[in-house]
Amino acid sequence: MQAQKLQVKFFARDEISDVALVPVFHEWIKRRVVSDELLIDVADYSHVPDGPGVMIIGHHANYAVDRDDARQGFTYSRKRLAEGDFAARVTDTFRRALSSCARLEAQEGLAARFGTGEVLFRIQDRLLAPNSEETVAAVKPALEATLAKLYPGQQATIESVGEAREPLTLRITVDSDATAADLLARLDA
């Protein structure tokens, strides 16, 4: 699988204040909290219903607390080439999403909490990864390998959602009450 534009979304357990996110994301840029990424600017689209919310525009990826899919959550969207094979890129995408979720959960005064029992995995490249059964079959081994690290001993359910004309989107569900930091530690073990 050659696709590079990978996206992971962890849903918020409770509402996160868009107003409170803007200065937090500006601090991420100022303090360079993502050491290997050039974070450029913060965009506030919170006025758009079911939209992109508050996001950091980065050179390699965007980081957003959005309301896409009619539910608030944190979305990490890689938009540039990444190193490694597809399995390594999938794992890296989850690692970066979880790292950001853990950072938001640890942010004093933000009250951000993300569920880990439901995740959306999306490939934003319909040319290289059309939304088809064949693509799902090609993606599953790499995704299942990452999920086995995140949820050891648990069976994750992976289902394709959306229509053929939309980007490939897989909904992952698993019985989990782990924090983002817990999953990140498992991934890095």
N, C-alpha and C. Protein backbone atom coordinates (compact mmCIF):
# COMPACT_ATOMS: atom_id res chain seq x y z
N MET A 1 0.86 -1.18 0.00
CA MET A 1 0.00 0.00 0.00
C MET A 1 0.90 1.23 0.00
N GLN A 2 0.70 2.10 -0.96
CA GLN A 2 1.54 3.29 -1.12
C GLN A 2 0.94 4.55 -0.48
N ALA A 3 -0.29 4.48 -0.03
CA ALA A 3 -0.97 5.67 0.50
C ALA A 3 -0.19 6.30 1.65
N GLN A 4 -0.14 7.63 1.65
CA GLN A 4 0.59 8.40 2.65
C GLN A 4 -0.34 9.25 3.53
N LYS A 5 -1.46 9.67 2.99
CA LYS A 5 -2.35 10.62 3.66
C LYS A 5 -3.28 9.88 4.62
N LEU A 6 -2.74 9.57 5.78
CA LEU A 6 -3.47 8.79 6.78
C LEU A 6 -4.03 9.70 7.86
N GLN A 7 -5.15 9.28 8.40
CA GLN A 7 -5.85 10.09 9.40
C GLN A 7 -6.40 9.17 10.49
N VAL A 8 -6.27 9.62 11.74
CA VAL A 8 -6.82 8.89 12.88
C VAL A 8 -7.60 9.87 13.74
N LYS A 9 -8.79 9.43 14.18
CA LYS A 9 -9.62 10.27 15.07
C LYS A 9 -10.02 9.48 16.31
N PHE A 10 -9.72 10.08 17.48
CA PHE A 10 -10.20 9.57 18.76
C PHE A 10 -11.30 10.52 19.23
N PHE A 11 -12.45 9.98 19.60
CA PHE A 11 -13.59 10.81 19.97
C PHE A 11 -13.48 11.33 21.40
N ALA A 12 -13.96 12.54 21.60
CA ALA A 12 -13.96 13.17 22.93
C ALA A 12 -15.03 12.51 23.79
N ARG A 13 -14.70 12.31 25.07
CA ARG A 13 -15.68 11.76 26.00
C ARG A 13 -16.68 12.83 26.42
N ASP A 14 -16.19 14.05 26.59
CA ASP A 14 -17.02 15.19 26.96
C ASP A 14 -16.66 16.35 26.04
N GLU A 15 -17.52 17.34 26.00
CA GLU A 15 -17.29 18.52 25.17
C GLU A 15 -16.01 19.25 25.60
N ILE A 16 -15.19 19.60 24.61
CA ILE A 16 -13.96 20.37 24.84
C ILE A 16 -14.20 21.78 24.33
N SER A 17 -13.87 22.76 25.12
CA SER A 17 -14.11 24.16 24.77
C SER A 17 -13.21 24.61 23.62
N ASP A 18 -13.84 25.04 22.52
CA ASP A 18 -13.08 25.58 21.39
C ASP A 18 -12.32 26.83 21.80
N VAL A 19 -12.94 27.66 22.61
CA VAL A 19 -12.31 28.91 23.05
C VAL A 19 -11.04 28.61 23.83
N ALA A 20 -11.07 27.59 24.67
CA ALA A 20 -9.89 27.23 25.46
C ALA A 20 -8.80 26.58 24.61
N LEU A 21 -9.18 25.96 23.50
CA LEU A 21 -8.20 25.28 22.64
C LEU A 21 -7.28 26.24 21.90
N VAL A 22 -7.80 27.37 21.49
CA VAL A 22 -7.01 28.30 20.66
C VAL A 22 -5.69 28.67 21.34
N PRO A 23 -5.69 29.16 22.59
CA PRO A 23 -4.40 29.49 23.21
C PRO A 23 -3.52 28.26 23.47
N VAL A 24 -4.14 27.12 23.72
CA VAL A 24 -3.36 25.89 23.93
C VAL A 24 -2.61 25.55 22.65
N PHE A 25 -3.29 25.58 21.53
CA PHE A 25 -2.64 25.27 20.26
C PHE A 25 -1.58 26.31 19.89
N HIS A 26 -1.81 27.57 20.22
CA HIS A 26 -0.78 28.59 19.99
C HIS A 26 0.47 28.29 20.82
N GLU A 27 0.27 27.80 22.04
CA GLU A 27 1.41 27.42 22.88
C GLU A 27 2.18 26.24 22.27
N TRP A 28 1.46 25.31 21.66
CA TRP A 28 2.14 24.20 21.00
C TRP A 28 3.11 24.72 19.94
N ILE A 29 2.67 25.71 19.19
CA ILE A 29 3.53 26.28 18.15
C ILE A 29 4.70 27.01 18.80
N LYS A 30 4.39 27.86 19.76
CA LYS A 30 5.41 28.67 20.42
C LYS A 30 6.48 27.81 21.08
N ARG A 31 6.06 26.74 21.76
CA ARG A 31 6.99 25.89 22.50
C ARG A 31 7.55 24.74 21.67
N ARG A 32 7.09 24.63 20.44
CA ARG A 32 7.54 23.56 19.54
C ARG A 32 7.39 22.19 20.19
N VAL A 33 6.18 21.91 20.65
CA VAL A 33 5.94 20.67 21.38
C VAL A 33 6.04 19.43 20.49
N VAL A 34 5.85 19.59 19.20
CA VAL A 34 6.06 18.49 18.26
C VAL A 34 7.41 18.75 17.61
N SER A 35 8.44 18.11 18.15
CA SER A 35 9.82 18.48 17.81
C SER A 35 10.19 18.24 16.35
N ASP A 36 9.57 17.26 15.70
CA ASP A 36 9.95 16.96 14.32
C ASP A 36 8.92 17.45 13.30
N GLU A 37 8.14 18.44 13.69
CA GLU A 37 7.10 18.99 12.81
C GLU A 37 7.13 20.50 12.87
N LEU A 38 6.99 21.13 11.72
CA LEU A 38 6.87 22.58 11.66
C LEU A 38 5.39 22.93 11.77
N LEU A 39 4.99 23.42 12.94
CA LEU A 39 3.61 23.86 13.16
C LEU A 39 3.53 25.31 12.74
N ILE A 40 2.58 25.64 11.89
CA ILE A 40 2.56 26.95 11.23
C ILE A 40 1.56 27.92 11.84
N ASP A 41 0.31 27.51 11.99
CA ASP A 41 -0.71 28.45 12.45
C ASP A 41 -1.88 27.70 13.05
N VAL A 42 -2.71 28.44 13.77
CA VAL A 42 -3.94 27.92 14.35
C VAL A 42 -5.11 28.51 13.57
N ALA A 43 -6.05 27.66 13.21
CA ALA A 43 -7.25 28.11 12.51
C ALA A 43 -8.47 27.73 13.36
N ASP A 44 -9.35 28.70 13.56
CA ASP A 44 -10.55 28.48 14.36
C ASP A 44 -11.76 28.45 13.44
N TYR A 45 -12.25 27.25 13.18
CA TYR A 45 -13.45 27.05 12.35
C TYR A 45 -14.62 26.59 13.22
N SER A 46 -14.59 26.95 14.49
CA SER A 46 -15.63 26.47 15.40
C SER A 46 -17.02 26.98 15.03
N HIS A 47 -17.09 28.02 14.20
CA HIS A 47 -18.38 28.55 13.77
C HIS A 47 -19.05 27.67 12.70
N VAL A 48 -18.31 26.72 12.15
CA VAL A 48 -18.85 25.84 11.11
C VAL A 48 -19.47 24.61 11.77
N PRO A 49 -20.78 24.41 11.60
CA PRO A 49 -21.42 23.24 12.21
C PRO A 49 -20.82 21.93 11.66
N ASP A 50 -20.57 20.98 12.55
CA ASP A 50 -20.00 19.68 12.17
C ASP A 50 -18.78 19.83 11.28
N GLY A 51 -17.94 20.81 11.59
CA GLY A 51 -16.79 21.13 10.75
C GLY A 51 -15.45 20.83 11.38
N PRO A 52 -14.42 21.49 10.87
CA PRO A 52 -13.05 21.21 11.29
C PRO A 52 -12.67 21.72 12.67
N GLY A 53 -13.52 22.49 13.33
CA GLY A 53 -13.24 22.94 14.70
C GLY A 53 -12.03 23.84 14.80
N VAL A 54 -11.17 23.56 15.76
CA VAL A 54 -9.94 24.33 15.97
C VAL A 54 -8.79 23.44 15.56
N MET A 55 -7.93 23.96 14.70
CA MET A 55 -6.85 23.12 14.19
C MET A 55 -5.53 23.85 14.11
N ILE A 56 -4.47 23.05 14.19
CA ILE A 56 -3.12 23.54 13.93
C ILE A 56 -2.76 23.07 12.53
N ILE A 57 -2.36 24.01 11.71
CA ILE A 57 -1.88 23.69 10.38
C ILE A 57 -0.38 23.44 10.50
N GLY A 58 0.06 22.28 10.13
CA GLY A 58 1.48 21.95 10.15
C GLY A 58 1.98 21.69 8.75
N HIS A 59 3.29 21.63 8.59
CA HIS A 59 3.86 21.36 7.28
C HIS A 59 3.58 19.92 6.84
N HIS A 60 3.76 18.97 7.74
CA HIS A 60 3.56 17.57 7.40
C HIS A 60 2.17 17.05 7.76
N ALA A 61 1.51 17.70 8.73
CA ALA A 61 0.23 17.19 9.20
C ALA A 61 -0.59 18.31 9.81
N ASN A 62 -1.89 18.06 9.92
CA ASN A 62 -2.79 18.95 10.64
C ASN A 62 -3.27 18.24 11.91
N TYR A 63 -3.47 19.03 12.95
CA TYR A 63 -3.91 18.54 14.26
C TYR A 63 -5.19 19.29 14.59
N ALA A 64 -6.29 18.58 14.81
CA ALA A 64 -7.55 19.29 15.01
C ALA A 64 -8.41 18.64 16.08
N VAL A 65 -9.12 19.48 16.82
CA VAL A 65 -10.25 19.02 17.62
C VAL A 65 -11.45 19.46 16.81
N ASP A 66 -12.04 18.48 16.11
CA ASP A 66 -13.07 18.78 15.12
C ASP A 66 -14.42 18.22 15.52
N ARG A 67 -15.39 18.49 14.68
CA ARG A 67 -16.73 17.95 14.85
C ARG A 67 -17.17 17.22 13.59
N ASP A 68 -16.22 16.79 12.80
CA ASP A 68 -16.56 15.96 11.64
C ASP A 68 -17.25 14.71 12.16
N ASP A 69 -18.01 14.08 11.32
CA ASP A 69 -18.75 12.88 11.70
C ASP A 69 -19.77 13.19 12.80
N ALA A 70 -20.12 14.48 12.95
CA ALA A 70 -21.11 14.96 13.92
C ALA A 70 -20.74 14.66 15.37
N ARG A 71 -19.45 14.39 15.62
CA ARG A 71 -18.97 14.13 16.98
C ARG A 71 -17.62 14.78 17.17
N GLN A 72 -17.44 15.39 18.31
CA GLN A 72 -16.17 16.05 18.59
C GLN A 72 -15.10 15.01 18.89
N GLY A 73 -13.91 15.28 18.42
CA GLY A 73 -12.78 14.40 18.69
C GLY A 73 -11.49 15.00 18.20
N PHE A 74 -10.38 14.34 18.50
CA PHE A 74 -9.08 14.80 18.02
C PHE A 74 -8.73 14.02 16.76
N THR A 75 -8.36 14.75 15.71
CA THR A 75 -7.97 14.13 14.45
C THR A 75 -6.56 14.54 14.07
N TYR A 76 -5.73 13.54 13.82
CA TYR A 76 -4.39 13.76 13.28
C TYR A 76 -4.46 13.39 11.80
N SER A 77 -4.05 14.32 10.92
CA SER A 77 -4.11 14.09 9.48
C SER A 77 -2.75 14.31 8.84
N ARG A 78 -2.09 13.23 8.46
CA ARG A 78 -0.81 13.34 7.76
C ARG A 78 -1.11 13.71 6.31
N LYS A 79 -0.38 14.70 5.80
CA LYS A 79 -0.61 15.14 4.43
C LYS A 79 0.63 15.10 3.54
N ARG A 80 1.77 14.72 4.09
CA ARG A 80 3.01 14.64 3.32
C ARG A 80 3.61 13.24 3.45
N LEU A 81 4.63 12.99 2.66
CA LEU A 81 5.30 11.70 2.68
C LEU A 81 5.85 11.38 4.06
N ALA A 82 5.74 10.13 4.41
CA ALA A 82 6.29 9.64 5.69
C ALA A 82 7.24 8.49 5.39
N GLU A 83 8.16 8.26 6.30
CA GLU A 83 9.14 7.20 6.11
C GLU A 83 8.55 5.84 6.47
N GLY A 84 9.17 4.80 5.92
CA GLY A 84 8.79 3.44 6.27
C GLY A 84 7.73 2.85 5.37
N ASP A 85 7.48 1.56 5.59
CA ASP A 85 6.44 0.89 4.82
C ASP A 85 5.07 1.28 5.37
N PHE A 86 4.03 0.73 4.77
CA PHE A 86 2.68 1.13 5.16
C PHE A 86 2.40 0.82 6.62
N ALA A 87 2.83 -0.35 7.09
CA ALA A 87 2.60 -0.71 8.50
C ALA A 87 3.26 0.29 9.44
N ALA A 88 4.47 0.72 9.10
CA ALA A 88 5.17 1.72 9.94
C ALA A 88 4.45 3.05 9.90
N ARG A 89 3.89 3.42 8.76
CA ARG A 89 3.16 4.69 8.66
C ARG A 89 1.86 4.64 9.46
N VAL A 90 1.20 3.50 9.46
CA VAL A 90 -0.02 3.35 10.26
C VAL A 90 0.31 3.50 11.74
N THR A 91 1.34 2.80 12.19
CA THR A 91 1.74 2.88 13.60
C THR A 91 2.15 4.30 13.96
N ASP A 92 2.90 4.96 13.10
CA ASP A 92 3.33 6.33 13.36
C ASP A 92 2.13 7.28 13.45
N THR A 93 1.14 7.07 12.61
CA THR A 93 -0.06 7.92 12.64
C THR A 93 -0.79 7.75 13.97
N PHE A 94 -0.95 6.53 14.43
CA PHE A 94 -1.57 6.30 15.73
C PHE A 94 -0.72 6.90 16.85
N ARG A 95 0.59 6.74 16.77
CA ARG A 95 1.49 7.28 17.80
C ARG A 95 1.32 8.80 17.91
N ARG A 96 1.31 9.47 16.79
CA ARG A 96 1.20 10.94 16.79
C ARG A 96 -0.17 11.40 17.28
N ALA A 97 -1.21 10.69 16.90
CA ALA A 97 -2.55 11.03 17.38
C ALA A 97 -2.65 10.83 18.89
N LEU A 98 -2.16 9.70 19.37
CA LEU A 98 -2.22 9.42 20.81
C LEU A 98 -1.35 10.37 21.61
N SER A 99 -0.19 10.72 21.09
CA SER A 99 0.68 11.67 21.77
C SER A 99 -0.02 13.02 21.94
N SER A 100 -0.70 13.45 20.90
CA SER A 100 -1.43 14.72 20.97
C SER A 100 -2.62 14.63 21.92
N CYS A 101 -3.35 13.52 21.87
CA CYS A 101 -4.47 13.33 22.80
C CYS A 101 -3.98 13.34 24.24
N ALA A 102 -2.88 12.64 24.51
CA ALA A 102 -2.33 12.60 25.87
C ALA A 102 -1.89 13.99 26.31
N ARG A 103 -1.31 14.74 25.40
CA ARG A 103 -0.87 16.11 25.72
C ARG A 103 -2.09 16.99 26.05
N LEU A 104 -3.16 16.85 25.29
CA LEU A 104 -4.37 17.63 25.57
C LEU A 104 -5.01 17.20 26.89
N GLU A 105 -5.01 15.89 27.18
CA GLU A 105 -5.57 15.41 28.44
C GLU A 105 -4.78 15.92 29.64
N ALA A 106 -3.49 16.11 29.47
CA ALA A 106 -2.64 16.59 30.57
C ALA A 106 -2.66 18.11 30.71
N GLN A 107 -3.26 18.80 29.75
CA GLN A 107 -3.29 20.26 29.76
C GLN A 107 -4.17 20.76 30.90
N GLU A 108 -3.58 21.49 31.80
CA GLU A 108 -4.30 22.03 32.94
C GLU A 108 -5.40 22.99 32.48
N GLY A 109 -6.59 22.81 33.03
CA GLY A 109 -7.71 23.70 32.75
C GLY A 109 -8.47 23.40 31.48
N LEU A 110 -8.07 22.39 30.72
CA LEU A 110 -8.74 22.11 29.44
C LEU A 110 -9.87 21.09 29.59
N ALA A 111 -9.74 20.15 30.49
CA ALA A 111 -10.75 19.10 30.71
C ALA A 111 -11.00 18.28 29.45
N ALA A 112 -9.95 17.95 28.74
CA ALA A 112 -10.06 17.11 27.55
C ALA A 112 -9.88 15.65 27.94
N ARG A 113 -10.81 14.81 27.52
CA ARG A 113 -10.71 13.37 27.74
C ARG A 113 -11.16 12.69 26.45
N PHE A 114 -10.37 11.71 26.02
CA PHE A 114 -10.67 11.02 24.78
C PHE A 114 -10.93 9.55 25.04
N GLY A 115 -11.96 9.03 24.41
CA GLY A 115 -12.24 7.61 24.50
C GLY A 115 -11.28 6.84 23.61
N THR A 116 -10.97 5.62 24.01
CA THR A 116 -10.06 4.80 23.21
C THR A 116 -10.74 3.53 22.71
N GLY A 117 -12.02 3.39 22.96
CA GLY A 117 -12.76 2.21 22.52
C GLY A 117 -13.35 2.33 21.14
N GLU A 118 -13.29 3.52 20.56
CA GLU A 118 -13.77 3.74 19.19
C GLU A 118 -12.83 4.71 18.50
N VAL A 119 -12.37 4.32 17.33
CA VAL A 119 -11.41 5.12 16.57
C VAL A 119 -11.81 5.09 15.11
N LEU A 120 -11.62 6.21 14.43
CA LEU A 120 -11.77 6.22 12.97
C LEU A 120 -10.39 6.26 12.34
N PHE A 121 -10.17 5.39 11.37
CA PHE A 121 -8.94 5.39 10.57
C PHE A 121 -9.36 5.68 9.14
N ARG A 122 -8.76 6.68 8.56
CA ARG A 122 -9.16 7.12 7.22
C ARG A 122 -7.92 7.29 6.35
N ILE A 123 -8.06 6.96 5.07
CA ILE A 123 -7.01 7.24 4.09
C ILE A 123 -7.57 8.28 3.14
N GLN A 124 -6.96 9.46 3.15
CA GLN A 124 -7.45 10.60 2.36
C GLN A 124 -6.80 10.61 0.98
N ASP A 125 -6.89 9.49 0.28
CA ASP A 125 -6.32 9.39 -1.06
C ASP A 125 -7.14 8.37 -1.85
N ARG A 126 -8.14 8.86 -2.57
CA ARG A 126 -9.03 7.95 -3.28
C ARG A 126 -8.38 7.33 -4.51
N LEU A 127 -7.29 7.92 -5.00
CA LEU A 127 -6.60 7.33 -6.14
C LEU A 127 -5.80 6.09 -5.70
N LEU A 128 -5.01 6.24 -4.65
CA LEU A 128 -4.18 5.13 -4.18
C LEU A 128 -4.93 4.16 -3.27
N ALA A 129 -6.01 4.62 -2.67
CA ALA A 129 -6.76 3.78 -1.72
C ALA A 129 -8.26 4.01 -1.89
N PRO A 130 -8.82 3.53 -3.01
CA PRO A 130 -10.27 3.71 -3.19
C PRO A 130 -11.05 2.98 -2.10
N ASN A 131 -12.22 3.47 -1.81
CA ASN A 131 -13.06 2.86 -0.78
C ASN A 131 -13.70 1.60 -1.36
N SER A 132 -12.96 0.50 -1.25
CA SER A 132 -13.43 -0.77 -1.82
C SER A 132 -13.04 -1.92 -0.89
N GLU A 133 -13.65 -3.07 -1.11
CA GLU A 133 -13.33 -4.26 -0.31
C GLU A 133 -11.87 -4.66 -0.50
N GLU A 134 -11.35 -4.48 -1.71
CA GLU A 134 -9.96 -4.84 -1.99
C GLU A 134 -9.00 -3.98 -1.17
N THR A 135 -9.29 -2.69 -1.07
CA THR A 135 -8.43 -1.80 -0.30
C THR A 135 -8.51 -2.14 1.18
N VAL A 136 -9.70 -2.41 1.66
CA VAL A 136 -9.86 -2.80 3.07
C VAL A 136 -9.02 -4.04 3.36
N ALA A 137 -9.07 -5.02 2.46
CA ALA A 137 -8.28 -6.25 2.64
C ALA A 137 -6.78 -5.95 2.63
N ALA A 138 -6.35 -4.99 1.83
CA ALA A 138 -4.93 -4.64 1.76
C ALA A 138 -4.48 -3.87 3.00
N VAL A 139 -5.38 -3.08 3.59
CA VAL A 139 -5.05 -2.23 4.74
C VAL A 139 -5.09 -3.02 6.06
N LYS A 140 -5.99 -3.97 6.16
CA LYS A 140 -6.24 -4.66 7.44
C LYS A 140 -5.00 -5.25 8.11
N PRO A 141 -4.11 -5.94 7.41
CA PRO A 141 -2.96 -6.52 8.12
C PRO A 141 -2.12 -5.49 8.88
N ALA A 142 -1.84 -4.36 8.25
CA ALA A 142 -1.05 -3.31 8.92
C ALA A 142 -1.83 -2.71 10.08
N LEU A 143 -3.11 -2.48 9.87
CA LEU A 143 -3.94 -1.90 10.92
C LEU A 143 -4.08 -2.88 12.09
N GLU A 144 -4.30 -4.14 11.80
CA GLU A 144 -4.43 -5.15 12.86
C GLU A 144 -3.14 -5.31 13.66
N ALA A 145 -1.99 -5.17 13.00
CA ALA A 145 -0.71 -5.26 13.71
C ALA A 145 -0.57 -4.12 14.72
N THR A 146 -0.97 -2.92 14.32
CA THR A 146 -0.92 -1.78 15.24
C THR A 146 -1.93 -1.96 16.37
N LEU A 147 -3.13 -2.41 16.04
CA LEU A 147 -4.16 -2.61 17.06
C LEU A 147 -3.76 -3.69 18.07
N ALA A 148 -3.03 -4.71 17.62
CA ALA A 148 -2.57 -5.75 18.54
C ALA A 148 -1.61 -5.18 19.59
N LYS A 149 -0.83 -4.18 19.21
CA LYS A 149 0.06 -3.52 20.17
C LYS A 149 -0.73 -2.63 21.13
N LEU A 150 -1.73 -1.94 20.59
CA LEU A 150 -2.52 -1.01 21.40
C LEU A 150 -3.45 -1.73 22.37
N TYR A 151 -4.04 -2.82 21.92
CA TYR A 151 -5.05 -3.54 22.70
C TYR A 151 -4.66 -5.01 22.82
N PRO A 152 -3.57 -5.33 23.51
CA PRO A 152 -3.11 -6.72 23.59
C PRO A 152 -4.16 -7.62 24.24
N GLY A 153 -4.37 -8.78 23.61
CA GLY A 153 -5.32 -9.75 24.14
C GLY A 153 -6.77 -9.41 23.91
N GLN A 154 -7.05 -8.33 23.20
CA GLN A 154 -8.43 -7.94 22.93
C GLN A 154 -8.71 -8.02 21.43
N GLN A 155 -9.93 -8.30 21.10
CA GLN A 155 -10.34 -8.40 19.70
C GLN A 155 -10.98 -7.08 19.27
N ALA A 156 -10.37 -6.41 18.33
CA ALA A 156 -10.93 -5.18 17.78
C ALA A 156 -11.81 -5.51 16.58
N THR A 157 -12.91 -4.81 16.47
CA THR A 157 -13.79 -4.95 15.31
C THR A 157 -13.47 -3.81 14.34
N ILE A 158 -13.28 -4.16 13.08
CA ILE A 158 -12.98 -3.17 12.05
C ILE A 158 -14.09 -3.23 11.02
N GLU A 159 -14.78 -2.11 10.83
CA GLU A 159 -15.84 -2.08 9.83
C GLU A 159 -15.66 -0.88 8.91
N SER A 160 -15.94 -1.10 7.65
CA SER A 160 -15.86 -0.03 6.66
C SER A 160 -17.13 0.82 6.78
N VAL A 161 -16.96 2.13 6.78
CA VAL A 161 -18.11 3.03 6.84
C VAL A 161 -18.03 4.02 5.67
N GLY A 162 -19.15 4.53 5.28
CA GLY A 162 -19.18 5.49 4.18
C GLY A 162 -19.46 4.82 2.85
N GLU A 163 -19.53 5.66 1.85
CA GLU A 163 -19.85 5.21 0.50
C GLU A 163 -18.59 5.12 -0.35
N ALA A 164 -18.71 4.43 -1.48
CA ALA A 164 -17.56 4.21 -2.37
C ALA A 164 -16.95 5.53 -2.86
N ARG A 165 -17.74 6.57 -2.97
CA ARG A 165 -17.21 7.86 -3.47
C ARG A 165 -16.47 8.65 -2.40
N GLU A 166 -16.54 8.20 -1.15
CA GLU A 166 -15.88 8.87 -0.03
C GLU A 166 -14.52 8.22 0.23
N PRO A 167 -13.64 8.92 0.95
CA PRO A 167 -12.36 8.30 1.32
C PRO A 167 -12.59 7.04 2.15
N LEU A 168 -11.68 6.09 2.01
CA LEU A 168 -11.76 4.86 2.79
C LEU A 168 -11.75 5.21 4.28
N THR A 169 -12.79 4.80 4.98
CA THR A 169 -12.91 5.06 6.41
C THR A 169 -13.25 3.76 7.12
N LEU A 170 -12.45 3.45 8.13
CA LEU A 170 -12.67 2.25 8.93
C LEU A 170 -12.94 2.64 10.37
N ARG A 171 -14.04 2.13 10.91
CA ARG A 171 -14.39 2.35 12.31
C ARG A 171 -13.89 1.15 13.11
N ILE A 172 -13.07 1.45 14.10
CA ILE A 172 -12.48 0.42 14.95
C ILE A 172 -13.16 0.51 16.31
N THR A 173 -13.69 -0.59 16.78
CA THR A 173 -14.28 -0.61 18.12
C THR A 173 -13.65 -1.76 18.91
N VAL A 174 -13.41 -1.47 20.18
CA VAL A 174 -12.81 -2.45 21.09
C VAL A 174 -13.22 -2.06 22.50
N ASP A 175 -13.36 -3.03 23.37
CA ASP A 175 -13.70 -2.74 24.76
C ASP A 175 -12.46 -2.18 25.45
N SER A 176 -12.43 -0.86 25.63
CA SER A 176 -11.25 -0.23 26.22
C SER A 176 -11.64 0.99 27.04
N ASP A 177 -11.07 1.07 28.24
CA ASP A 177 -11.20 2.29 29.04
C ASP A 177 -9.83 2.88 29.32
N ALA A 178 -8.84 2.44 28.55
CA ALA A 178 -7.47 2.96 28.71
C ALA A 178 -7.42 4.43 28.31
N THR A 179 -6.46 5.14 28.88
CA THR A 179 -6.25 6.53 28.48
C THR A 179 -5.37 6.56 27.24
N ALA A 180 -5.31 7.72 26.62
CA ALA A 180 -4.42 7.90 25.47
C ALA A 180 -2.97 7.63 25.88
N ALA A 181 -2.59 8.08 27.07
CA ALA A 181 -1.23 7.86 27.56
C ALA A 181 -0.95 6.36 27.74
N ASP A 182 -1.95 5.61 28.21
CA ASP A 182 -1.80 4.16 28.36
C ASP A 182 -1.51 3.51 27.00
N LEU A 183 -2.30 3.87 26.00
CA LEU A 183 -2.12 3.29 24.67
C LEU A 183 -0.78 3.69 24.07
N LEU A 184 -0.40 4.93 24.28
CA LEU A 184 0.89 5.40 23.77
C LEU A 184 2.03 4.60 24.39
N ALA A 185 1.95 4.34 25.68
CA ALA A 185 2.98 3.54 26.36
C ALA A 185 3.05 2.12 25.79
N ARG A 186 1.89 1.54 25.48
CA ARG A 186 1.87 0.20 24.89
C ARG A 186 2.51 0.20 23.51
N LEU A 187 2.24 1.24 22.75
CA LEU A 187 2.78 1.34 21.39
C LEU A 187 4.29 1.52 21.41
N ASP A 188 4.78 2.22 22.42
CA ASP A 188 6.21 2.50 22.51
C ASP A 188 6.99 1.45 23.29
N ALA A 189 6.27 0.43 23.81
CA ALA A 189 6.94 -0.62 24.61
C ALA A 189 7.77 -1.54 23.74
